Amino acid sequence: MPLTTVFLDRDGVINVKAPEGEYVESWDEFELLPGVVEAVARLRSAGLRVIIVTNQRGVALGRMSAEAVEEIHRRMLDAGLQADRVYYCPHDDGECDCRKPLPGMLERAAREVPRASLGRAAAIVGDSEADMQAGRAVGAVLVKVGAAESPVDFECASLPEAVDWLLAGAVDGE
């Protein structure tokens, strides 16, 4: 089945991740990683759906508002990142079915975004085991930025490298 949908984690894949225990709380703290705008544009040019799925626990902890997260996402898209949709989970552990490693955001996107898919027609690119678990729950191709803690389809150092692999047809026909 050919790939139709790529789910991207945000922090650590699209932008520089805050140190452990800290959060990207405003646009001033948001820094795109090298080559991500171009990498996402390549996915879109190939006709793929690109959907960002990100845990934003800092909202539940009172570190930032939902409005601040939404402003970051609006400005990220305004800066040229061509995602079809951005979903975020503002909850703490155990409060919802959308916080990764649960697959709620991916399932919701598959229902709401035209031509979005799950299963092997989808890939998730993430930097955490929670991202891989969410992808595994929906049968997606697993692409890990950084060292993987469990079996994945591909390990890489960056989103541009992940996109090279995905667009090379590495998952077509699976």
Protein backbone atom coordinates (compact mmCIF):
# COMPACT_ATOMS: atom_id res chain seq x y z
CA MET A 1 0.00 0.00 0.00
CA PRO A 2 1.54 3.34 -0.98
CA LEU A 3 2.21 5.95 1.64
CA THR A 4 -0.43 8.71 1.83
CA THR A 5 0.01 10.32 5.26
CA VAL A 6 2.97 11.40 7.37
CA PHE A 7 2.45 12.28 11.02
CA LEU A 8 5.16 14.46 12.53
CA ASP A 9 5.94 15.06 16.17
CA ARG A 10 6.80 18.71 16.85
CA ASP A 11 9.43 19.20 19.57
CA GLY A 12 12.68 17.50 18.57
CA VAL A 13 11.55 16.82 14.98
CA ILE A 14 10.37 20.21 13.67
CA ASN A 15 11.88 22.52 16.27
CA VAL A 16 14.62 22.48 18.88
CA LYS A 17 13.34 20.61 21.93
CA ALA A 18 13.45 22.37 25.30
CA PRO A 19 15.63 20.77 27.99
CA GLU A 20 14.01 17.94 29.99
CA GLY A 21 11.29 19.29 32.28
CA GLU A 22 11.00 22.56 30.35
CA TYR A 23 8.65 23.61 27.55
CA VAL A 24 8.67 25.78 24.45
CA GLU A 25 6.25 28.30 25.93
CA SER A 26 6.16 31.06 23.30
CA TRP A 27 7.07 31.85 19.71
CA ASP A 28 10.22 33.61 20.97
CA GLU A 29 11.43 30.23 22.28
CA PHE A 30 10.49 28.32 19.12
CA GLU A 31 13.41 27.53 16.78
CA LEU A 32 12.89 25.53 13.59
CA LEU A 33 15.47 22.82 13.00
CA PRO A 34 17.57 23.07 9.82
CA GLY A 35 15.90 21.86 6.63
CA VAL A 36 12.45 21.11 8.09
CA VAL A 37 10.47 23.61 6.01
CA GLU A 38 12.01 22.21 2.83
CA ALA A 39 11.53 18.60 4.01
CA VAL A 40 7.83 19.15 4.69
CA ALA A 41 7.46 20.91 1.33
CA ARG A 42 8.95 17.83 -0.35
CA LEU A 43 6.37 15.59 1.35
CA ARG A 44 3.55 17.87 0.22
CA SER A 45 4.96 18.05 -3.34
CA ALA A 46 4.85 14.25 -3.40
CA GLY A 47 1.11 14.46 -2.68
CA LEU A 48 1.33 13.26 0.93
CA ARG A 49 -0.80 14.51 3.80
CA VAL A 50 1.38 16.04 6.54
CA ILE A 51 -0.15 16.18 10.01
CA ILE A 52 1.60 17.41 13.14
CA VAL A 53 0.69 15.58 16.36
CA THR A 54 2.25 16.96 19.53
CA ASN A 55 1.86 16.51 23.29
CA GLN A 56 1.78 19.90 25.02
CA ARG A 57 1.54 18.93 28.69
CA GLY A 58 2.73 22.40 29.70
CA VAL A 59 -0.85 23.61 29.21
CA ALA A 60 -2.17 21.18 31.85
CA LEU A 61 0.67 22.17 34.17
CA GLY A 62 -0.13 25.89 33.79
CA ARG A 63 3.24 26.65 32.17
CA MET A 64 1.56 28.08 29.06
CA SER A 65 -1.92 28.70 27.75
CA ALA A 66 -3.70 26.92 24.94
CA GLU A 67 -3.70 30.29 23.16
CA ALA A 68 0.11 30.43 23.38
CA VAL A 69 0.40 26.94 21.86
CA GLU A 70 -2.03 27.88 19.10
CA GLU A 71 -0.07 31.06 18.38
CA ILE A 72 3.14 29.02 18.07
CA HIS A 73 1.39 26.71 15.60
CA ARG A 74 -0.11 29.57 13.60
CA ARG A 75 3.24 31.31 13.33
CA MET A 76 4.99 28.03 12.50
CA LEU A 77 2.60 27.58 9.56
CA ASP A 78 2.98 31.26 8.60
CA ALA A 79 6.76 30.69 8.52
CA GLY A 80 6.26 28.30 5.62
CA LEU A 81 5.73 24.90 7.22
CA GLN A 82 3.07 23.39 4.92
CA ALA A 83 1.23 21.01 7.25
CA ASP A 84 -2.35 20.02 6.49
CA ARG A 85 -3.32 20.20 10.15
CA VAL A 86 -1.82 20.50 13.62
CA TYR A 87 -3.24 18.53 16.54
CA TYR A 88 -2.03 18.91 20.09
CA CYS A 89 -2.85 17.28 23.39
CA PRO A 90 -2.97 19.82 26.26
CA HIS A 91 -3.60 17.15 28.91
CA ASP A 92 -1.52 15.49 31.60
CA ASP A 93 -1.07 11.72 31.83
CA GLY A 94 -4.30 9.78 32.34
CA GLU A 95 -6.65 12.66 31.50
CA CYS A 96 -7.52 11.74 27.89
CA ASP A 97 -7.18 9.34 24.99
CA CYS A 98 -5.17 11.75 22.84
CA ARG A 99 -1.87 12.03 24.74
CA LYS A 100 0.82 9.96 23.04
CA PRO A 101 1.61 7.08 23.48
CA LEU A 102 -2.17 6.70 22.99
CA PRO A 103 -3.22 6.98 19.33
CA GLY A 104 -6.15 9.40 19.77
CA MET A 105 -4.64 12.31 17.82
CA LEU A 106 -3.70 10.07 14.89
CA GLU A 107 -7.14 8.46 14.82
CA ARG A 108 -8.87 11.85 15.00
CA ALA A 109 -6.75 13.15 12.13
CA ALA A 110 -7.59 10.10 10.01
CA ARG A 111 -11.29 10.87 10.54
CA GLU A 112 -11.06 14.64 9.96
CA VAL A 113 -8.39 15.22 7.30
CA PRO A 114 -9.48 14.26 3.77
CA ARG A 115 -7.42 11.40 2.32
CA ALA A 116 -5.50 10.86 5.57
CA SER A 117 -4.81 7.22 6.37
CA LEU A 118 -3.63 4.90 9.09
CA GLY A 119 -1.97 1.49 8.83
CA ARG A 120 0.99 1.05 6.50
CA ALA A 121 -0.31 3.91 4.33
CA ALA A 122 0.83 6.19 7.17
CA ALA A 123 4.19 6.92 8.75
CA ILE A 124 5.01 8.65 12.01
CA VAL A 125 8.26 10.56 12.44
CA GLY A 126 9.06 11.18 16.08
CA ASP A 127 11.87 11.48 18.57
CA SER A 128 10.35 9.60 21.53
CA GLU A 129 9.21 6.12 22.40
CA ALA A 130 5.72 7.58 23.00
CA ASP A 131 5.61 8.66 19.33
CA MET A 132 6.61 5.15 18.24
CA GLN A 133 3.98 3.55 20.51
CA ALA A 134 1.23 5.78 19.08
CA GLY A 135 2.31 4.88 15.55
CA ARG A 136 2.56 1.20 16.42
CA ALA A 137 -1.02 1.29 17.80
CA VAL A 138 -2.36 2.34 14.37
CA GLY A 139 -0.02 0.12 12.34
CA ALA A 140 2.01 3.01 10.88
CA VAL A 141 5.52 2.92 9.49
CA LEU A 142 7.80 3.97 12.37
CA VAL A 143 10.60 6.49 11.76
CA LYS A 144 12.65 7.44 14.80
CA VAL A 145 14.75 10.59 14.94
CA GLY A 146 17.57 9.52 17.25
CA ALA A 147 18.31 6.11 18.73
CA ALA A 148 15.32 3.80 18.94
CA GLU A 149 14.45 1.99 22.17
CA SER A 150 12.29 -0.59 20.39
CA PRO A 151 12.10 -1.94 16.83
CA VAL A 152 11.30 0.68 14.18
CA ASP A 153 11.32 0.76 10.40
CA PHE A 154 14.03 3.41 10.13
CA GLU A 155 16.34 5.39 12.45
CA CYS A 156 17.72 8.74 11.36
CA ALA A 157 19.27 11.94 12.64
CA SER A 158 16.76 14.48 11.31
CA LEU A 159 13.47 15.10 9.54
CA PRO A 160 15.21 15.78 6.20
CA GLU A 161 16.88 12.36 6.44
CA ALA A 162 13.52 10.74 7.29
CA VAL A 163 11.91 12.42 4.28
CA ASP A 164 14.73 11.20 2.00
CA TRP A 165 14.02 7.64 3.15
CA LEU A 166 10.24 7.95 2.88
CA LEU A 167 10.36 9.52 -0.59
CA ALA A 168 12.86 6.96 -1.85
CA GLY A 169 9.94 4.54 -1.81
CA ALA A 170 11.29 2.54 1.10
CA VAL A 171 7.74 1.81 2.29
CA ASP A 172 5.86 1.48 -1.02
CA GLY A 173 4.17 -1.82 -1.54
CA GLU A 174 4.24 -2.94 2.09
